[in-house]
Amino acid sequence: MNIGEAARASGVSAKMIRHYESVGLLAAAPRTESGYRQYSERDVHTLGFIRHARDLGFGIPQIGELLSLWQDRERSSRQVKALAQAHIEALERKVQELQAMKTTLSHLVDCCHGDDRPDCPILDGLAQDDPPGSCCPPRR
């Protein structure tokens, strides 16, 4: 099948298929005499694997490791689990960072009058040398 058909079958855009080939996640597709890439059902299955891994937030290097493990029938599940656990820990750190950003921004929003006056604690907080949201000017 051509790249458009492979994209539809796998749920991965043609642009991303070309990218995955360029970074080595997917073997370069053989080409027809006219230069069109040709993909097999196995390629589409691999693209689906990559898409699922991306949906779970794995980065390109981790997906490469997962693909290697998936294709190695002699691998131990211990390696796969360790990779997944490391990713969970990274996601937990990211959740904490996002929560801290939300808390800070919520604080700044709570401090802002949101009226026609030009004073704005949100902008003031962003302009501070200290982390935004470290203080809230008194309301007038």
Protein backbone atom coordinates (compact mmCIF):
# COMPACT_ATOMS: atom_id res chain seq x y z
CA MET A 1 0.00 0.00 0.00
CA ASN A 2 1.13 3.57 -0.56
CA ILE A 3 1.84 6.09 2.20
CA GLY A 4 -1.70 7.52 2.16
CA GLU A 5 -3.22 4.07 2.56
CA ALA A 6 -0.74 3.19 5.29
CA ALA A 7 -1.58 6.46 7.06
CA ARG A 8 -5.31 5.73 6.98
CA ALA A 9 -4.84 2.13 8.09
CA SER A 10 -2.51 2.99 10.97
CA GLY A 11 -3.93 6.30 12.15
CA VAL A 12 -0.52 7.93 11.67
CA SER A 13 -0.20 10.87 9.28
CA ALA A 14 1.94 10.54 6.17
CA LYS A 15 4.18 13.30 7.51
CA MET A 16 4.79 11.35 10.72
CA ILE A 17 5.40 8.13 8.78
CA ARG A 18 8.18 9.90 6.87
CA HIS A 19 9.51 11.28 10.19
CA TYR A 20 9.51 7.83 11.81
CA GLU A 21 11.46 6.52 8.84
CA SER A 22 13.95 9.39 9.10
CA VAL A 23 14.61 8.75 12.82
CA GLY A 24 14.86 4.99 12.36
CA LEU A 25 11.69 3.83 14.12
CA LEU A 26 10.39 2.42 10.85
CA ALA A 27 12.58 0.83 8.21
CA ALA A 28 12.75 2.82 4.99
CA ALA A 29 9.98 1.60 2.75
CA PRO A 30 10.86 0.07 -0.58
CA ARG A 31 9.89 2.25 -3.50
CA THR A 32 8.17 1.59 -6.78
CA GLU A 33 9.89 2.44 -10.05
CA SER A 34 8.11 5.78 -9.95
CA GLY A 35 9.47 6.48 -6.45
CA TYR A 36 6.37 5.87 -4.33
CA ARG A 37 6.88 4.26 -0.95
CA GLN A 38 5.25 0.86 -0.49
CA TYR A 39 4.17 -0.39 2.94
CA SER A 40 3.21 -3.84 4.11
CA GLU A 41 0.67 -4.93 6.70
CA ARG A 42 3.58 -5.48 9.05
CA ASP A 43 4.65 -1.85 8.58
CA VAL A 44 1.11 -0.73 9.36
CA HIS A 45 1.14 -2.90 12.50
CA THR A 46 4.46 -1.31 13.54
CA LEU A 47 3.01 2.15 12.92
CA GLY A 48 0.06 1.26 15.14
CA PHE A 49 2.50 0.21 17.87
CA ILE A 50 4.34 3.53 17.52
CA ARG A 51 1.06 5.47 17.62
CA HIS A 52 -0.06 3.69 20.79
CA ALA A 53 3.30 4.35 22.44
CA ARG A 54 3.09 8.05 21.44
CA ASP A 55 -0.46 8.18 22.83
CA LEU A 56 1.00 7.07 26.17
CA GLY A 57 3.56 9.87 26.00
CA PHE A 58 6.69 7.86 25.24
CA GLY A 59 9.39 9.80 23.42
CA ILE A 60 11.18 8.70 20.28
CA PRO A 61 14.16 7.14 22.14
CA GLN A 62 11.87 5.12 24.42
CA ILE A 63 9.73 4.02 21.48
CA GLY A 64 12.89 2.80 19.78
CA GLU A 65 13.69 0.74 22.86
CA LEU A 66 10.14 -0.58 23.06
CA LEU A 67 10.19 -1.54 19.37
CA SER A 68 13.46 -3.40 19.87
CA LEU A 69 12.03 -5.25 22.83
CA TRP A 70 8.76 -5.96 20.99
CA GLN A 71 10.65 -7.43 18.05
CA ASP A 72 12.99 -9.48 20.28
CA ARG A 73 11.10 -12.65 21.14
CA GLU A 74 13.92 -13.61 23.58
CA ARG A 75 13.54 -10.46 25.71
CA SER A 76 12.44 -10.57 29.30
CA SER A 77 9.35 -8.69 30.35
CA ARG A 78 11.47 -7.24 33.18
CA GLN A 79 13.11 -4.87 30.68
CA VAL A 80 9.77 -3.72 29.33
CA LYS A 81 8.35 -3.20 32.81
CA ALA A 82 11.40 -1.19 33.90
CA LEU A 83 11.04 1.08 30.88
CA ALA A 84 7.31 1.55 31.56
CA GLN A 85 7.94 2.23 35.28
CA ALA A 86 10.57 4.86 34.43
CA HIS A 87 8.03 6.50 32.14
CA ILE A 88 5.40 6.48 34.90
CA GLU A 89 7.87 8.24 37.20
CA ALA A 90 8.56 10.87 34.52
CA LEU A 91 4.81 11.35 34.03
CA GLU A 92 4.32 11.76 37.78
CA ARG A 93 7.01 14.47 37.86
CA LYS A 94 5.33 16.19 34.91
CA VAL A 95 1.94 16.04 36.67
CA GLN A 96 3.50 17.68 39.75
CA GLU A 97 5.06 20.40 37.58
CA LEU A 98 1.75 21.04 35.83
CA GLN A 99 -0.09 21.16 39.16
CA ALA A 100 2.42 23.71 40.49
CA MET A 101 1.93 25.84 37.36
CA LYS A 102 -1.84 25.63 37.75
CA THR A 103 -1.65 26.60 41.43
CA THR A 104 0.57 29.60 40.68
CA LEU A 105 -1.57 30.78 37.78
CA SER A 106 -4.76 30.31 39.80
CA HIS A 107 -3.26 32.44 42.56
CA LEU A 108 -2.40 35.20 40.08
CA VAL A 109 -5.88 35.04 38.53
CA ASP A 110 -7.45 35.26 41.99
CA CYS A 111 -5.38 38.41 42.66
CA CYS A 112 -6.48 40.12 39.46
CA HIS A 113 -9.51 42.42 39.52
CA GLY A 114 -10.28 41.70 35.88
CA ASP A 115 -11.80 45.13 35.43
CA ASP A 116 -11.09 48.18 33.24
CA ARG A 117 -8.15 49.37 35.34
CA PRO A 118 -4.66 48.88 33.89
CA ASP A 119 -3.08 47.36 37.02
CA CYS A 120 -2.77 43.63 36.59
CA PRO A 121 -1.26 41.29 39.21
CA ILE A 122 -0.89 38.58 36.55
CA LEU A 123 1.44 40.71 34.45
CA ASP A 124 3.15 42.06 37.58
CA GLY A 125 3.73 38.52 38.80
CA LEU A 126 5.24 37.48 35.47
CA ALA A 127 7.55 40.53 35.53
CA GLN A 128 8.93 39.83 39.04
CA ASP A 129 12.41 38.53 39.65
CA ASP A 130 10.86 36.04 42.07
CA PRO A 131 8.76 33.17 40.79
CA PRO A 132 5.35 34.35 39.55
CA GLY A 133 2.66 34.29 42.18
CA SER A 134 5.02 34.72 45.11
CA CYS A 135 3.03 37.69 46.33
CA CYS A 136 -0.35 39.15 45.72
CA PRO A 137 -0.76 42.93 45.89
CA PRO A 138 -3.60 44.04 48.10
CA ARG A 139 -6.89 44.67 46.32
CA ARG A 140 -8.17 48.22 46.24
